[in-house]
Protein backbone atom coordinates (compact mmCIF):
# COMPACT_ATOMS: atom_id res chain seq x y z
CA MET A 1 12.10 -2.61 27.79
CA ALA A 2 9.18 -3.37 25.50
CA LEU A 3 8.86 -6.80 23.96
CA LYS A 4 9.28 -6.90 20.21
CA ALA A 5 7.03 -8.57 17.69
CA THR A 6 7.87 -12.10 16.54
CA ILE A 7 8.31 -12.35 12.79
CA PHE A 8 6.62 -15.16 10.86
CA LYS A 9 7.07 -15.87 7.15
CA ALA A 10 4.29 -17.46 5.13
CA ASP A 11 4.27 -18.56 1.53
CA LEU A 12 0.52 -18.57 0.94
CA GLN A 13 -0.88 -20.06 -2.24
CA ILE A 14 -4.50 -19.12 -2.82
CA ALA A 15 -6.92 -20.83 -5.18
CA ASP A 16 -10.19 -18.92 -4.78
CA MET A 17 -12.51 -20.45 -7.35
CA ASP A 18 -15.43 -18.31 -6.19
CA ARG A 19 -13.62 -15.08 -7.16
CA HIS A 20 -11.33 -16.61 -9.83
CA TYR A 21 -8.29 -15.46 -7.87
CA TYR A 22 -5.19 -17.67 -8.11
CA HIS A 23 -2.03 -16.23 -6.67
CA SER A 24 0.92 -16.81 -4.34
CA HIS A 25 1.74 -14.32 -1.62
CA ALA A 26 5.06 -14.19 0.23
CA LEU A 27 3.96 -12.67 3.53
CA THR A 28 5.86 -11.35 6.52
CA ILE A 29 3.64 -11.35 9.59
CA ALA A 30 4.60 -9.48 12.73
CA ARG A 31 2.96 -11.19 15.71
CA HIS A 32 2.44 -8.73 18.56
CA PRO A 33 3.75 -10.02 21.93
CA SER A 34 0.18 -10.23 23.26
CA GLU A 35 -1.14 -12.05 20.17
CA THR A 36 -1.70 -15.81 20.16
CA ASP A 37 -1.03 -18.23 17.31
CA GLU A 38 -4.81 -18.63 17.04
CA ARG A 39 -5.39 -14.91 16.44
CA MET A 40 -2.48 -14.65 14.03
CA MET A 41 -3.79 -17.56 11.97
CA VAL A 42 -7.30 -16.05 11.89
CA ARG A 43 -5.63 -12.90 10.49
CA LEU A 44 -3.95 -15.05 7.86
CA LEU A 45 -7.29 -16.70 7.04
CA ALA A 46 -8.92 -13.27 6.67
CA PHE A 47 -6.11 -12.27 4.32
CA ALA A 48 -6.67 -15.40 2.22
CA ARG A 49 -10.44 -14.88 1.97
CA HIS A 50 -10.03 -11.30 0.74
CA ALA A 51 -6.71 -11.65 -1.07
CA ASP A 52 -5.76 -8.91 -3.47
CA GLU A 53 -2.47 -7.49 -4.70
CA ALA A 54 -3.08 -4.32 -2.66
CA LEU A 55 -4.26 -6.04 0.56
CA VAL A 56 -1.76 -5.55 3.41
CA PHE A 57 -1.37 -6.28 7.09
CA ALA A 58 -1.70 -3.03 9.02
CA LYS A 59 -0.45 -2.19 12.50
CA GLY A 60 -3.60 -3.62 14.14
CA LEU A 61 -2.88 -4.25 17.83
CA SER A 62 -0.01 -1.76 17.77
CA ASP A 63 -2.09 1.18 16.50
CA THR A 64 -5.71 1.95 17.37
CA ASP A 65 -6.16 3.98 14.16
CA GLU A 66 -5.46 1.02 11.89
CA PRO A 67 -7.19 -2.32 11.37
CA ASP A 68 -5.53 -5.73 11.27
CA ILE A 69 -5.70 -5.79 7.47
CA TRP A 70 -6.75 -3.22 4.93
CA LEU A 71 -7.08 -2.52 1.25
CA LYS A 72 -6.60 1.01 -0.02
CA ASP A 73 -7.00 2.34 -3.53
CA LEU A 74 -4.44 4.53 -5.27
CA THR A 75 -5.97 7.68 -3.78
CA GLY A 76 -5.58 6.36 -0.22
CA SER A 77 -9.29 5.68 0.28
CA ILE A 78 -9.96 2.61 2.38
CA LYS A 79 -11.84 0.02 0.32
CA LEU A 80 -11.74 -2.78 2.92
CA TRP A 81 -11.10 -2.70 6.69
CA ILE A 82 -10.67 -6.09 8.40
CA GLU A 83 -10.68 -6.59 12.16
CA VAL A 84 -9.95 -9.84 14.01
CA GLY A 85 -11.46 -10.48 17.43
CA GLN A 86 -14.19 -8.62 19.23
CA PRO A 87 -13.75 -4.88 18.71
CA ASP A 88 -15.87 -2.48 20.69
CA GLU A 89 -18.83 -0.64 19.20
CA LYS A 90 -16.97 2.68 18.94
CA ARG A 91 -14.15 1.11 16.89
CA ILE A 92 -16.65 -0.59 14.57
CA LEU A 93 -18.57 2.64 13.99
CA LYS A 94 -15.30 4.46 13.27
CA ALA A 95 -14.25 1.76 10.78
CA CYS A 96 -17.63 1.82 9.01
CA GLY A 97 -17.36 5.59 8.69
CA ARG A 98 -13.88 5.42 7.14
CA ALA A 99 -14.10 2.37 4.84
CA GLU A 100 -16.33 1.20 2.01
CA ARG A 101 -16.52 -2.30 3.53
CA VAL A 102 -15.76 -3.57 7.03
CA VAL A 103 -15.38 -7.25 7.87
CA ILE A 104 -14.93 -8.57 11.40
CA TYR A 105 -13.63 -12.08 12.04
CA ALA A 106 -14.71 -13.06 15.53
CA TYR A 107 -13.50 -16.24 17.16
CA SER A 108 -13.25 -17.74 20.67
CA GLY A 109 -16.42 -19.77 20.89
CA ASN A 110 -19.22 -18.66 23.16
CA GLY A 111 -17.42 -15.40 23.90
CA ALA A 112 -17.92 -14.27 20.30
CA GLY A 113 -21.64 -15.05 20.46
CA ILE A 114 -22.07 -13.16 23.71
CA TRP A 115 -20.09 -10.18 22.33
CA TRP A 116 -22.21 -10.06 19.17
CA ASN A 117 -25.54 -10.40 21.03
CA GLN A 118 -24.61 -7.40 23.18
CA ILE A 119 -23.66 -5.02 20.35
CA ALA A 120 -25.69 -6.31 17.39
CA PRO A 121 -28.84 -4.24 17.98
CA ARG A 122 -26.84 -1.00 17.76
CA LEU A 123 -24.98 -2.04 14.59
CA GLN A 124 -27.78 -3.46 12.43
CA ARG A 125 -28.16 -0.17 10.53
CA LEU A 126 -24.58 -0.33 9.21
CA SER A 127 -24.92 -1.33 5.56
CA ASN A 128 -21.18 -1.87 4.97
CA LEU A 129 -20.53 -4.26 7.89
CA THR A 130 -20.02 -8.02 7.73
CA VAL A 131 -19.41 -10.10 10.86
CA VAL A 132 -18.09 -13.65 10.55
CA ASN A 133 -17.76 -16.03 13.50
CA ILE A 134 -15.10 -18.73 13.17
CA ILE A 135 -16.42 -21.89 14.84
CA PRO A 136 -14.25 -22.73 17.93
CA PRO A 137 -12.63 -26.03 16.95
CA THR A 138 -11.71 -24.50 13.59
CA SER A 139 -9.62 -21.64 14.96
CA ILE A 140 -7.85 -23.99 17.35
CA GLU A 141 -7.04 -26.43 14.52
CA LEU A 142 -5.93 -23.51 12.38
CA SER A 143 -3.50 -22.38 15.10
CA LYS A 144 -1.74 -25.76 14.85
CA LEU A 145 -0.57 -24.78 11.35
CA ALA A 146 1.43 -21.85 12.80
CA GLN A 147 5.19 -22.07 12.34
CA ARG A 148 7.87 -19.41 12.03
CA THR A 149 8.20 -20.36 8.35
CA MET A 150 5.02 -21.67 6.74
CA GLN A 151 4.08 -23.13 3.38
CA LEU A 152 0.28 -22.87 3.20
CA GLN A 153 -2.36 -23.50 0.59
CA CYS A 154 -5.84 -22.01 0.83
CA THR A 155 -8.61 -23.36 -1.37
CA ILE A 156 -11.97 -21.60 -1.60
CA GLN A 157 -14.84 -23.11 -3.56
CA ASP A 158 -18.61 -22.72 -3.23
CA GLY A 159 -18.16 -20.81 0.01
CA GLU A 160 -16.08 -23.58 1.61
CA VAL A 161 -12.57 -22.75 2.77
CA TRP A 162 -9.70 -25.19 3.32
CA MET A 163 -6.28 -24.28 4.69
CA ALA A 164 -3.45 -26.79 4.40
CA GLY A 165 0.09 -26.85 5.71
CA ASP A 166 2.87 -29.36 5.19
CA GLU A 167 1.14 -32.11 7.18
CA ASP A 168 -2.31 -30.92 8.27
CA ARG A 169 -5.42 -29.71 6.51
CA VAL A 170 -8.23 -27.74 8.16
CA GLN A 171 -11.72 -27.12 6.86
CA ILE A 172 -12.69 -23.63 8.01
CA GLU A 173 -16.13 -23.61 9.55
CA PHE A 174 -17.78 -20.27 10.12
CA THR A 175 -21.15 -18.57 10.34
CA THR A 176 -22.04 -15.13 9.09
CA LEU A 177 -23.59 -13.19 11.97
CA LYS A 178 -24.23 -10.08 9.87
CA SER A 179 -24.02 -9.46 6.18
CA PRO A 180 -24.21 -6.04 4.48
CA GLN A 181 -27.84 -6.64 3.50
CA SER A 182 -29.05 -7.46 7.03
C-alpha cells in the first residue's frame, strides 16, 4: 500500500515591499512521503517570493510533467514554472520550453554547487532561466518553522527576505547562480 501525503496548513502573510504585494494566503500543502520538512519549507519560501493570486502548488514530486509551483494565465499558458531541488538538465530544458519564466530553488549546501557546476555550461543559453541557491544554514533554520498548522509572515524588502513563525524568525540567505540576463 502506497504511503499518502501528509497535509500541512499554512496561513502565510506576505509583505513584499519590492513588488508592492501585500496579501494573506491560506495554503494547504501536501508533503510527499519522500519529502523533508526542509524541502517543503523551501517550496513555501518560493511561493512567498513569487506570490500571486493565481500561483498554485502543482503535483511536483508526484508528477514528472508538473513543477512544484506554477502560475498559469487564463488561457492555460504557463507564465512561471518553479522547481525546488536539483532537477536534471532534461527537465530544465523541458520547463524552459513550456514556460515564459523558470526559477529553480536549489538547496543542500555543497551538493547544489556541484550540481550547478556540472550542468551550468549547457544551460547558459536559456534566457528565461533563473537559478537561486539557498545557503545551507538558512534552509535548515527554515525547516524548524515547519508545523502541521503554521502561522507565517514573510517580509521582502530591498531583496532581503525574512520568514517568521510564532517563535522563530529566519533571514533567508541566498545567491543567484543564474539570472535571465546571464
